[in-house]
Amino acid sequence: MKKNKIRKSTWVAMALLIYVSVMAAYLLPRNHEMSNTEKYLTFAASYVIVLVLWLVLRKKEQLKQKRREREKEVNRIIK
């Protein structure tokens, strides 16, 4: 029985999401130098960056999987 392995793209993105959320919850209420709009735009931009990172890592994993499948097929044809 094989365990489902958590993909690197998922755990990296989740770790960053947790980090951004904790830092925002801790730092945003204490920052009185920025307006509320700037605070929330910074917070939203951080989430967008994490989302884009997740999408890029997923695409990279998919390409890696396709490359492995092609190599297996080529090795099978050669033998």
C-alpha atoms as a PDB file:
ATOM      1  CA  MET A   1       0.000   0.000   0.000  1.00  0.00           C
ATOM      2  CA  LYS A   2       1.564   3.227  -1.165  1.00  0.00           C
ATOM      3  CA  LYS A   3       1.028   6.435   0.771  1.00  0.00           C
ATOM      4  CA  ASN A   4       0.054   9.511  -1.173  1.00  0.00           C
ATOM      5  CA  LYS A   5       3.032  11.799  -1.078  1.00  0.00           C
ATOM      6  CA  ILE A   6       2.356  15.501  -0.639  1.00  0.00           C
ATOM      7  CA  ARG A   7       3.744  17.280  -3.653  1.00  0.00           C
ATOM      8  CA  LYS A   8       6.534  19.755  -3.182  1.00  0.00           C
ATOM      9  CA  SER A   9       4.465  22.466  -4.856  1.00  0.00           C
ATOM     10  CA  THR A  10       1.701  21.966  -2.310  1.00  0.00           C
ATOM     11  CA  TRP A  11       3.754  21.937   0.874  1.00  0.00           C
ATOM     12  CA  VAL A  12       5.943  24.862  -0.192  1.00  0.00           C
ATOM     13  CA  ALA A  13       2.898  26.946  -1.068  1.00  0.00           C
ATOM     14  CA  MET A  14       1.109  25.983   2.159  1.00  0.00           C
ATOM     15  CA  ALA A  15       4.164  26.848   4.256  1.00  0.00           C
ATOM     16  CA  LEU A  16       4.429  30.258   2.592  1.00  0.00           C
ATOM     17  CA  LEU A  17       0.686  30.829   2.934  1.00  0.00           C
ATOM     18  CA  ILE A  18       0.864  30.099   6.660  1.00  0.00           C
ATOM     19  CA  TYR A  19       3.941  32.311   7.028  1.00  0.00           C
ATOM     20  CA  VAL A  20       2.321  35.231   5.162  1.00  0.00           C
ATOM     21  CA  SER A  21      -0.877  34.879   7.188  1.00  0.00           C
ATOM     22  CA  VAL A  22       0.931  34.791  10.533  1.00  0.00           C
ATOM     23  CA  MET A  23       3.163  37.728   9.635  1.00  0.00           C
ATOM     24  CA  ALA A  24       0.165  39.727   8.408  1.00  0.00           C
ATOM     25  CA  ALA A  25      -1.825  38.967  11.550  1.00  0.00           C
ATOM     26  CA  TYR A  26       1.133  39.986  13.699  1.00  0.00           C
ATOM     27  CA  LEU A  27       2.554  42.972  11.814  1.00  0.00           C
ATOM     28  CA  LEU A  28      -0.333  44.662  10.015  1.00  0.00           C
ATOM     29  CA  PRO A  29      -2.263  45.804  13.104  1.00  0.00           C
ATOM     30  CA  ARG A  30       0.945  47.215  14.626  1.00  0.00           C
ATOM     31  CA  ASN A  31       1.959  49.221  11.553  1.00  0.00           C
ATOM     32  CA  HIS A  32       0.575  52.739  11.832  1.00  0.00           C
ATOM     33  CA  GLU A  33       2.785  54.251   9.141  1.00  0.00           C
ATOM     34  CA  MET A  34       0.810  52.761   6.238  1.00  0.00           C
ATOM     35  CA  SER A  35      -2.792  53.400   5.324  1.00  0.00           C
ATOM     36  CA  ASN A  36      -5.287  50.543   5.578  1.00  0.00           C
ATOM     37  CA  THR A  37      -5.475  50.355   1.796  1.00  0.00           C
ATOM     38  CA  GLU A  38      -1.716  49.839   1.520  1.00  0.00           C
ATOM     39  CA  LYS A  39      -1.808  47.195   4.232  1.00  0.00           C
ATOM     40  CA  TYR A  40      -4.516  45.157   2.548  1.00  0.00           C
ATOM     41  CA  LEU A  41      -3.018  45.549  -0.926  1.00  0.00           C
ATOM     42  CA  THR A  42       0.325  44.287   0.411  1.00  0.00           C
ATOM     43  CA  PHE A  43      -1.444  41.380   2.055  1.00  0.00           C
ATOM     44  CA  ALA A  44      -3.370  40.554  -1.149  1.00  0.00           C
ATOM     45  CA  ALA A  45      -0.219  40.842  -3.280  1.00  0.00           C
ATOM     46  CA  SER A  46       1.533  38.362  -0.996  1.00  0.00           C
ATOM     47  CA  TYR A  47      -1.273  35.851  -1.519  1.00  0.00           C
ATOM     48  CA  VAL A  48      -1.139  36.385  -5.280  1.00  0.00           C
ATOM     49  CA  ILE A  49       2.619  35.745  -5.274  1.00  0.00           C
ATOM     50  CA  VAL A  50       2.118  32.502  -3.330  1.00  0.00           C
ATOM     51  CA  LEU A  51      -0.615  31.437  -5.786  1.00  0.00           C
ATOM     52  CA  VAL A  52       1.617  32.145  -8.793  1.00  0.00           C
ATOM     53  CA  LEU A  53       4.479  30.236  -7.153  1.00  0.00           C
ATOM     54  CA  TRP A  54       2.162  27.261  -6.594  1.00  0.00           C
ATOM     55  CA  LEU A  55       1.024  27.325 -10.230  1.00  0.00           C
ATOM     56  CA  VAL A  56       4.614  27.508 -11.529  1.00  0.00           C
ATOM     57  CA  LEU A  57       5.763  24.653  -9.291  1.00  0.00           C
ATOM     58  CA  ARG A  58       2.773  22.508 -10.342  1.00  0.00           C
ATOM     59  CA  LYS A  59       3.558  23.105 -14.007  1.00  0.00           C
ATOM     60  CA  LYS A  60       7.211  22.224 -13.383  1.00  0.00           C
ATOM     61  CA  GLU A  61       6.187  18.966 -11.668  1.00  0.00           C
ATOM     62  CA  GLN A  62       3.865  18.087 -14.552  1.00  0.00           C
ATOM     63  CA  LEU A  63       6.629  18.671 -17.101  1.00  0.00           C
ATOM     64  CA  LYS A  64       9.003  16.533 -15.038  1.00  0.00           C
ATOM     65  CA  GLN A  65       6.432  13.720 -14.934  1.00  0.00           C
ATOM     66  CA  LYS A  66       5.888  13.900 -18.705  1.00  0.00           C
ATOM     67  CA  ARG A  67       9.646  13.789 -19.273  1.00  0.00           C
ATOM     68  CA  ARG A  68       9.944  10.673 -17.080  1.00  0.00           C
ATOM     69  CA  GLU A  69       7.107   8.979 -18.972  1.00  0.00           C
ATOM     70  CA  ARG A  70       8.752   9.766 -22.321  1.00  0.00           C
ATOM     71  CA  GLU A  71      12.086   8.390 -21.080  1.00  0.00           C
ATOM     72  CA  LYS A  72      10.382   5.172 -19.931  1.00  0.00           C
ATOM     73  CA  GLU A  73       8.677   4.835 -23.304  1.00  0.00           C
ATOM     74  CA  VAL A  74      11.942   5.403 -25.195  1.00  0.00           C
ATOM     75  CA  ASN A  75      13.739   2.868 -22.981  1.00  0.00           C
ATOM     76  CA  ARG A  76      10.940   0.352 -23.562  1.00  0.00           C
ATOM     77  CA  ILE A  77      11.186   0.835 -27.357  1.00  0.00           C
ATOM     78  CA  ILE A  78      14.976   0.489 -27.329  1.00  0.00           C
ATOM     79  CA  LYS A  79      14.907  -2.821 -25.421  1.00  0.00           C
END
